[in-house]
Amino acid sequence: MKGKKALPAGLARWTCGMLACFMVMTVATEVAGWRKYRVLLALPLKRLDDGGELARADMWFGNLTGWLQATFLATMLLFILWLDSMRSLADNVWPQGQRRHRAWVLFGWLVPLAQLFIPKMFVNDLWAAAQPAAQRRRGNALLTAWWLTVLAAGRWATLDYSPLKGAATAEKARQALRQVTLSGGLHIGAAALTVAVVWRLSGMLRSAVVERQRGLADVNAPAQ
């Protein structure tokens, strides 16, 4: 049983760590995009330029964009694995309160329209399972803020930075940079709130499992 308890805790740390990496990569990509814009802005003022500075700016921005996309995929994979591990704990504490089949931990993020409410419903049920039996309530302000930010990022943010990567003038780069900045801000906000949800819910559910085991042990203990 000790190993089973350690699994969710380890996944929570890895998931939070990957979310932090995603935020760092998002900031680095925005800085690289800003750098390209500055290079294009200064380019007409130079009498001679072999394109080396612009090529380096494009290289850094392109590489960081690729790393950002890879980090995003890794983060989503870890988050889904973490949700699955939390479902295992919730099934030990309050299985009847889990309203969706376990498969929705994955398909809830993939099926159109279901993406709007199934993941939040799934997390709400996990949150309720972590509460004392007499105080169970699905959702709270943290989960609401988290989900609204995730939906906003899904609606207005993008990981496709090709317009800025292909921009050949400062004006086009400036227009594309606006979207990069908006996307980055929404992604960072969603990631930061996800860290808070992962860390808090992990601790709550593990504590709930421990309390349940203690209660069962007291019930099954032989009378003195």
C-alpha atoms as a PDB file:
ATOM      1  CA  MET A   1       0.000   0.000   0.000  1.00  0.00           C
ATOM      2  CA  LYS A   2       2.894   2.322   0.615  1.00  0.00           C
ATOM      3  CA  GLY A   3       3.941   2.209  -3.039  1.00  0.00           C
ATOM      4  CA  LYS A   4       0.395   3.010  -4.161  1.00  0.00           C
ATOM      5  CA  LYS A   5       0.357   6.134  -1.998  1.00  0.00           C
ATOM      6  CA  ALA A   6       3.663   7.295  -3.409  1.00  0.00           C
ATOM      7  CA  LEU A   7       2.512   7.079  -7.031  1.00  0.00           C
ATOM      8  CA  PRO A   8       0.022   9.999  -6.980  1.00  0.00           C
ATOM      9  CA  ALA A   9       2.425  12.115  -4.925  1.00  0.00           C
ATOM     10  CA  GLY A  10       5.201  11.526  -7.454  1.00  0.00           C
ATOM     11  CA  LEU A  11       2.890  12.234 -10.363  1.00  0.00           C
ATOM     12  CA  ALA A  12       1.750  15.451  -8.717  1.00  0.00           C
ATOM     13  CA  ARG A  13       5.337  16.655  -8.399  1.00  0.00           C
ATOM     14  CA  TRP A  14       6.168  15.683 -11.973  1.00  0.00           C
ATOM     15  CA  THR A  15       3.000  17.301 -13.295  1.00  0.00           C
ATOM     16  CA  CYS A  16       3.638  20.553 -11.421  1.00  0.00           C
ATOM     17  CA  GLY A  17       7.258  20.506 -12.577  1.00  0.00           C
ATOM     18  CA  MET A  18       6.227  20.065 -16.202  1.00  0.00           C
ATOM     19  CA  LEU A  19       3.666  22.842 -15.869  1.00  0.00           C
ATOM     20  CA  ALA A  20       6.436  25.094 -14.547  1.00  0.00           C
ATOM     21  CA  CYS A  21       8.617  24.131 -17.528  1.00  0.00           C
ATOM     22  CA  PHE A  22       5.742  24.970 -19.851  1.00  0.00           C
ATOM     23  CA  MET A  23       5.418  28.420 -18.291  1.00  0.00           C
ATOM     24  CA  VAL A  24       9.166  29.025 -18.621  1.00  0.00           C
ATOM     25  CA  MET A  25       9.116  27.899 -22.271  1.00  0.00           C
ATOM     26  CA  THR A  26       6.143  30.179 -22.942  1.00  0.00           C
ATOM     27  CA  VAL A  27       8.007  33.192 -21.573  1.00  0.00           C
ATOM     28  CA  ALA A  28      11.163  32.254 -23.509  1.00  0.00           C
ATOM     29  CA  THR A  29       9.172  31.962 -26.749  1.00  0.00           C
ATOM     30  CA  GLU A  30       7.599  35.370 -26.194  1.00  0.00           C
ATOM     31  CA  VAL A  31      11.022  36.909 -25.573  1.00  0.00           C
ATOM     32  CA  ALA A  32      12.330  35.325 -28.771  1.00  0.00           C
ATOM     33  CA  GLY A  33       9.340  36.682 -30.682  1.00  0.00           C
ATOM     34  CA  TRP A  34       9.936  40.146 -29.285  1.00  0.00           C
ATOM     35  CA  ARG A  35      13.589  39.851 -30.276  1.00  0.00           C
ATOM     36  CA  LYS A  36      12.634  39.078 -33.874  1.00  0.00           C
ATOM     37  CA  TYR A  37      10.311  42.075 -33.954  1.00  0.00           C
ATOM     38  CA  ARG A  38      13.098  44.325 -32.696  1.00  0.00           C
ATOM     39  CA  VAL A  39      15.493  42.988 -35.334  1.00  0.00           C
ATOM     40  CA  LEU A  40      12.982  43.638 -38.123  1.00  0.00           C
ATOM     41  CA  LEU A  41      12.310  47.109 -36.728  1.00  0.00           C
ATOM     42  CA  ALA A  42      16.005  47.998 -36.769  1.00  0.00           C
ATOM     43  CA  LEU A  43      16.830  46.315 -40.083  1.00  0.00           C
ATOM     44  CA  PRO A  44      15.915  49.263 -42.391  1.00  0.00           C
ATOM     45  CA  LEU A  45      18.186  51.564 -40.366  1.00  0.00           C
ATOM     46  CA  LYS A  46      21.268  49.519 -41.204  1.00  0.00           C
ATOM     47  CA  ARG A  47      23.135  50.322 -44.385  1.00  0.00           C
ATOM     48  CA  LEU A  48      24.628  46.864 -44.743  1.00  0.00           C
ATOM     49  CA  ASP A  49      23.230  43.635 -43.336  1.00  0.00           C
ATOM     50  CA  ASP A  50      23.814  40.098 -44.522  1.00  0.00           C
ATOM     51  CA  GLY A  51      20.690  38.823 -42.796  1.00  0.00           C
ATOM     52  CA  GLY A  52      22.693  37.045 -40.129  1.00  0.00           C
ATOM     53  CA  GLU A  53      20.999  38.724 -37.192  1.00  0.00           C
ATOM     54  CA  LEU A  54      17.533  38.053 -38.596  1.00  0.00           C
ATOM     55  CA  ALA A  55      18.461  34.432 -39.327  1.00  0.00           C
ATOM     56  CA  ARG A  56      19.572  33.960 -35.733  1.00  0.00           C
ATOM     57  CA  ALA A  57      16.374  35.531 -34.443  1.00  0.00           C
ATOM     58  CA  ASP A  58      14.327  33.206 -36.673  1.00  0.00           C
ATOM     59  CA  MET A  59      16.363  30.208 -35.538  1.00  0.00           C
ATOM     60  CA  TRP A  60      15.821  30.926 -31.836  1.00  0.00           C
ATOM     61  CA  PHE A  61      12.131  31.618 -32.274  1.00  0.00           C
ATOM     62  CA  GLY A  62      11.580  28.509 -34.403  1.00  0.00           C
ATOM     63  CA  ASN A  63      13.479  26.245 -32.009  1.00  0.00           C
ATOM     64  CA  LEU A  64      11.711  27.583 -28.946  1.00  0.00           C
ATOM     65  CA  THR A  65       8.325  27.241 -30.637  1.00  0.00           C
ATOM     66  CA  GLY A  66       9.060  23.571 -31.297  1.00  0.00           C
ATOM     67  CA  TRP A  67      10.173  23.003 -27.706  1.00  0.00           C
ATOM     68  CA  LEU A  68       7.085  24.797 -26.428  1.00  0.00           C
ATOM     69  CA  GLN A  69       4.787  22.531 -28.424  1.00  0.00           C
ATOM     70  CA  ALA A  70       6.629  19.422 -27.212  1.00  0.00           C
ATOM     71  CA  THR A  71       6.427  20.645 -23.610  1.00  0.00           C
ATOM     72  CA  PHE A  72       2.705  21.244 -23.987  1.00  0.00           C
ATOM     73  CA  LEU A  73       2.119  17.671 -25.185  1.00  0.00           C
ATOM     74  CA  ALA A  74       4.212  16.250 -22.341  1.00  0.00           C
ATOM     75  CA  THR A  75       2.331  18.411 -19.842  1.00  0.00           C
ATOM     76  CA  MET A  76      -1.052  17.233 -21.091  1.00  0.00           C
ATOM     77  CA  LEU A  77       0.050  13.592 -20.931  1.00  0.00           C
ATOM     78  CA  LEU A  78       1.259  13.944 -17.344  1.00  0.00           C
ATOM     79  CA  PHE A  79      -1.875  15.824 -16.330  1.00  0.00           C
ATOM     80  CA  ILE A  80      -4.097  13.055 -17.724  1.00  0.00           C
ATOM     81  CA  LEU A  81      -2.026  10.408 -15.936  1.00  0.00           C
ATOM     82  CA  TRP A  82      -2.331  12.437 -12.740  1.00  0.00           C
ATOM     83  CA  LEU A  83      -6.119  12.650 -13.147  1.00  0.00           C
ATOM     84  CA  ASP A  84      -6.247   8.887 -13.604  1.00  0.00           C
ATOM     85  CA  SER A  85      -4.240   8.351 -10.415  1.00  0.00           C
ATOM     86  CA  MET A  86      -6.576  10.693  -8.543  1.00  0.00           C
ATOM     87  CA  ARG A  87      -9.540   8.695  -9.820  1.00  0.00           C
ATOM     88  CA  SER A  88      -7.979   5.583  -8.271  1.00  0.00           C
ATOM     89  CA  LEU A  89      -7.919   7.348  -4.902  1.00  0.00           C
ATOM     90  CA  ALA A  90     -11.437   8.724  -5.316  1.00  0.00           C
ATOM     91  CA  ASP A  91     -12.760   5.238  -6.119  1.00  0.00           C
ATOM     92  CA  ASN A  92     -11.388   4.099  -2.764  1.00  0.00           C
ATOM     93  CA  VAL A  93     -13.033   6.935  -0.873  1.00  0.00           C
ATOM     94  CA  TRP A  94     -16.322   7.719  -2.661  1.00  0.00           C
ATOM     95  CA  PRO A  95     -16.828   5.566  -5.781  1.00  0.00           C
ATOM     96  CA  GLN A  96     -20.578   6.210  -5.978  1.00  0.00           C
ATOM     97  CA  GLY A  97     -19.936   9.934  -6.332  1.00  0.00           C
ATOM     98  CA  GLN A  98     -17.891   9.611  -9.523  1.00  0.00           C
ATOM     99  CA  ARG A  99     -20.444  10.414 -12.206  1.00  0.00           C
ATOM    100  CA  ARG A 100     -18.390   9.659 -15.311  1.00  0.00           C
ATOM    101  CA  HIS A 101     -16.706   6.493 -16.506  1.00  0.00           C
ATOM    102  CA  ARG A 102     -12.965   6.458 -15.997  1.00  0.00           C
ATOM    103  CA  ALA A 103     -12.391   6.561 -19.773  1.00  0.00           C
ATOM    104  CA  TRP A 104     -13.591  10.166 -19.782  1.00  0.00           C
ATOM    105  CA  VAL A 105     -10.332  11.184 -18.122  1.00  0.00           C
ATOM    106  CA  LEU A 106      -8.939  11.026 -21.682  1.00  0.00           C
ATOM    107  CA  PHE A 107     -11.943  11.366 -23.987  1.00  0.00           C
ATOM    108  CA  GLY A 108     -13.236  14.376 -22.088  1.00  0.00           C
ATOM    109  CA  TRP A 109     -10.386  16.391 -23.580  1.00  0.00           C
ATOM    110  CA  LEU A 110     -10.835  15.027 -27.105  1.00  0.00           C
ATOM    111  CA  VAL A 111     -14.575  14.874 -27.829  1.00  0.00           C
ATOM    112  CA  PRO A 112     -16.020  18.158 -29.196  1.00  0.00           C
ATOM    113  CA  LEU A 113     -18.538  19.879 -26.903  1.00  0.00           C
ATOM    114  CA  ALA A 114     -17.671  17.427 -24.131  1.00  0.00           C
ATOM    115  CA  GLN A 115     -14.440  19.411 -23.805  1.00  0.00           C
ATOM    116  CA  LEU A 116     -16.490  22.276 -22.417  1.00  0.00           C
ATOM    117  CA  PHE A 117     -17.768  20.522 -19.293  1.00  0.00           C
ATOM    118  CA  ILE A 118     -16.657  16.880 -18.879  1.00  0.00           C
ATOM    119  CA  PRO A 119     -13.114  17.589 -17.544  1.00  0.00           C
ATOM    120  CA  LYS A 120     -14.508  20.089 -15.035  1.00  0.00           C
ATOM    121  CA  MET A 121     -17.200  17.610 -13.965  1.00  0.00           C
ATOM    122  CA  PHE A 122     -14.517  14.945 -13.554  1.00  0.00           C
ATOM    123  CA  VAL A 123     -12.391  17.191 -11.341  1.00  0.00           C
ATOM    124  CA  ASN A 124     -15.445  18.358  -9.373  1.00  0.00           C
ATOM    125  CA  ASP A 125     -16.181  14.741  -8.445  1.00  0.00           C
ATOM    126  CA  LEU A 126     -12.589  14.177  -7.361  1.00  0.00           C
ATOM    127  CA  TRP A 127     -12.765  17.322  -5.231  1.00  0.00           C
ATOM    128  CA  ALA A 128     -15.981  16.163  -3.591  1.00  0.00           C
ATOM    129  CA  ALA A 129     -14.461  12.765  -2.809  1.00  0.00           C
ATOM    130  CA  ALA A 130     -11.635  14.510  -0.965  1.00  0.00           C
ATOM    131  CA  GLN A 131     -14.057  16.270   1.397  1.00  0.00           C
ATOM    132  CA  PRO A 132     -15.334  14.846   4.702  1.00  0.00           C
ATOM    133  CA  ALA A 133     -18.521  12.872   4.086  1.00  0.00           C
ATOM    134  CA  ALA A 134     -20.719  15.397   5.891  1.00  0.00           C
ATOM    135  CA  GLN A 135     -19.270  18.370   3.975  1.00  0.00           C
ATOM    136  CA  ARG A 136     -18.997  17.076   0.404  1.00  0.00           C
ATOM    137  CA  ARG A 137     -19.548  19.725  -2.227  1.00  0.00           C
ATOM    138  CA  ARG A 138     -18.603  19.587  -5.895  1.00  0.00           C
ATOM    139  CA  GLY A 139     -16.389  22.473  -6.924  1.00  0.00           C
ATOM    140  CA  ASN A 140     -15.207  25.702  -5.321  1.00  0.00           C
ATOM    141  CA  ALA A 141     -13.842  29.113  -6.325  1.00  0.00           C
ATOM    142  CA  LEU A 142     -10.400  27.727  -7.224  1.00  0.00           C
ATOM    143  CA  LEU A 143     -11.840  25.130  -9.601  1.00  0.00           C
ATOM    144  CA  THR A 144     -14.159  27.691 -11.192  1.00  0.00           C
ATOM    145  CA  ALA A 145     -11.330  30.167 -11.800  1.00  0.00           C
ATOM    146  CA  TRP A 146      -9.131  27.349 -13.131  1.00  0.00           C
ATOM    147  CA  TRP A 147     -11.716  26.093 -15.588  1.00  0.00           C
ATOM    148  CA  LEU A 148     -12.690  29.548 -16.870  1.00  0.00           C
ATOM    149  CA  THR A 149      -9.008  30.263 -17.523  1.00  0.00           C
ATOM    150  CA  VAL A 150      -8.559  26.919 -19.295  1.00  0.00           C
ATOM    151  CA  LEU A 151     -11.597  27.630 -21.486  1.00  0.00           C
ATOM    152  CA  ALA A 152     -10.301  31.123 -22.274  1.00  0.00           C
ATOM    153  CA  ALA A 153      -6.922  29.686 -23.255  1.00  0.00           C
ATOM    154  CA  GLY A 154      -8.628  27.091 -25.434  1.00  0.00           C
ATOM    155  CA  ARG A 155     -10.700  29.791 -27.142  1.00  0.00           C
ATOM    156  CA  TRP A 156      -8.224  32.634 -27.655  1.00  0.00           C
ATOM    157  CA  ALA A 157      -4.750  31.126 -27.226  1.00  0.00           C
ATOM    158  CA  THR A 158      -2.771  29.205 -29.823  1.00  0.00           C
ATOM    159  CA  LEU A 159       0.468  27.284 -30.128  1.00  0.00           C
ATOM    160  CA  ASP A 160       0.683  28.053 -33.849  1.00  0.00           C
ATOM    161  CA  TYR A 161       3.229  30.851 -34.042  1.00  0.00           C
ATOM    162  CA  SER A 162       3.848  30.492 -37.780  1.00  0.00           C
ATOM    163  CA  PRO A 163       2.569  34.040 -38.601  1.00  0.00           C
ATOM    164  CA  LEU A 164       5.333  35.542 -36.470  1.00  0.00           C
ATOM    165  CA  LYS A 165       7.867  33.006 -37.677  1.00  0.00           C
ATOM    166  CA  GLY A 166       7.107  33.910 -41.298  1.00  0.00           C
ATOM    167  CA  ALA A 167       6.822  37.675 -40.769  1.00  0.00           C
ATOM    168  CA  ALA A 168       9.200  39.567 -43.069  1.00  0.00           C
ATOM    169  CA  THR A 169       8.382  43.108 -41.961  1.00  0.00           C
ATOM    170  CA  ALA A 170       8.198  44.855 -38.604  1.00  0.00           C
ATOM    171  CA  GLU A 171       4.509  45.641 -39.093  1.00  0.00           C
ATOM    172  CA  LYS A 172       3.575  42.006 -39.737  1.00  0.00           C
ATOM    173  CA  ALA A 173       5.724  40.909 -36.817  1.00  0.00           C
ATOM    174  CA  ARG A 174       4.030  43.456 -34.548  1.00  0.00           C
ATOM    175  CA  GLN A 175       0.573  42.196 -35.493  1.00  0.00           C
ATOM    176  CA  ALA A 176       1.582  38.576 -34.960  1.00  0.00           C
ATOM    177  CA  LEU A 177       3.303  39.449 -31.679  1.00  0.00           C
ATOM    178  CA  ARG A 178      -0.011  40.593 -30.230  1.00  0.00           C
ATOM    179  CA  GLN A 179      -1.428  37.087 -30.628  1.00  0.00           C
ATOM    180  CA  VAL A 180       1.741  35.556 -29.201  1.00  0.00           C
ATOM    181  CA  THR A 181       1.497  37.820 -26.153  1.00  0.00           C
ATOM    182  CA  LEU A 182      -2.201  37.061 -25.620  1.00  0.00           C
ATOM    183  CA  SER A 183      -1.629  33.322 -26.008  1.00  0.00           C
ATOM    184  CA  GLY A 184       1.310  33.378 -23.649  1.00  0.00           C
ATOM    185  CA  GLY A 185      -0.579  35.244 -20.962  1.00  0.00           C
ATOM    186  CA  LEU A 186      -3.558  32.887 -21.120  1.00  0.00           C
ATOM    187  CA  HIS A 187      -1.343  29.799 -21.145  1.00  0.00           C
ATOM    188  CA  ILE A 188       0.658  30.994 -18.151  1.00  0.00           C
ATOM    189  CA  GLY A 189      -2.491  31.843 -16.206  1.00  0.00           C
ATOM    190  CA  ALA A 190      -4.056  28.454 -16.959  1.00  0.00           C
ATOM    191  CA  ALA A 191      -0.848  26.609 -16.101  1.00  0.00           C
ATOM    192  CA  ALA A 192      -0.393  28.472 -12.808  1.00  0.00           C
ATOM    193  CA  LEU A 193      -3.956  27.693 -11.688  1.00  0.00           C
ATOM    194  CA  THR A 194      -3.518  24.079 -12.791  1.00  0.00           C
ATOM    195  CA  VAL A 195      -0.486  23.812 -10.512  1.00  0.00           C
ATOM    196  CA  ALA A 196      -2.621  25.054  -7.615  1.00  0.00           C
ATOM    197  CA  VAL A 197      -5.376  22.527  -8.405  1.00  0.00           C
ATOM    198  CA  VAL A 198      -2.970  19.612  -8.812  1.00  0.00           C
ATOM    199  CA  TRP A 199      -1.085  20.311  -5.618  1.00  0.00           C
ATOM    200  CA  ARG A 200      -4.101  20.962  -3.425  1.00  0.00           C
ATOM    201  CA  LEU A 201      -6.288  18.158  -4.741  1.00  0.00           C
ATOM    202  CA  SER A 202      -3.448  15.636  -4.477  1.00  0.00           C
ATOM    203  CA  GLY A 203      -2.909  16.432  -0.815  1.00  0.00           C
ATOM    204  CA  MET A 204      -6.637  16.406  -0.036  1.00  0.00           C
ATOM    205  CA  LEU A 205      -7.308  13.060  -1.684  1.00  0.00           C
ATOM    206  CA  ARG A 206      -4.298  11.347  -0.157  1.00  0.00           C
ATOM    207  CA  SER A 207      -5.391  12.583   3.272  1.00  0.00           C
ATOM    208  CA  ALA A 208      -8.929  11.338   2.606  1.00  0.00           C
ATOM    209  CA  VAL A 209      -7.613   7.869   1.734  1.00  0.00           C
ATOM    210  CA  VAL A 210      -5.531   7.769   4.921  1.00  0.00           C
ATOM    211  CA  GLU A 211      -8.528   8.804   7.032  1.00  0.00           C
ATOM    212  CA  ARG A 212     -10.703   6.143   5.421  1.00  0.00           C
ATOM    213  CA  GLN A 213      -8.096   3.469   6.076  1.00  0.00           C
ATOM    214  CA  ARG A 214      -7.889   4.529   9.705  1.00  0.00           C
ATOM    215  CA  GLY A 215     -11.652   4.374  10.028  1.00  0.00           C
ATOM    216  CA  LEU A 216     -11.784   0.898   8.509  1.00  0.00           C
ATOM    217  CA  ALA A 217      -8.974  -0.242  10.781  1.00  0.00           C
ATOM    218  CA  ASP A 218     -10.855   1.026  13.852  1.00  0.00           C
ATOM    219  CA  VAL A 219     -14.048  -0.742  12.735  1.00  0.00           C
ATOM    220  CA  ASN A 220     -12.256  -4.021  12.083  1.00  0.00           C
ATOM    221  CA  ALA A 221     -10.134  -3.881  15.220  1.00  0.00           C
ATOM    222  CA  PRO A 222     -11.002  -6.653  17.706  1.00  0.00           C
ATOM    223  CA  ALA A 223     -12.715  -5.513  20.856  1.00  0.00           C
ATOM    224  CA  GLN A 224     -10.477  -5.400  23.932  1.00  0.00           C
END
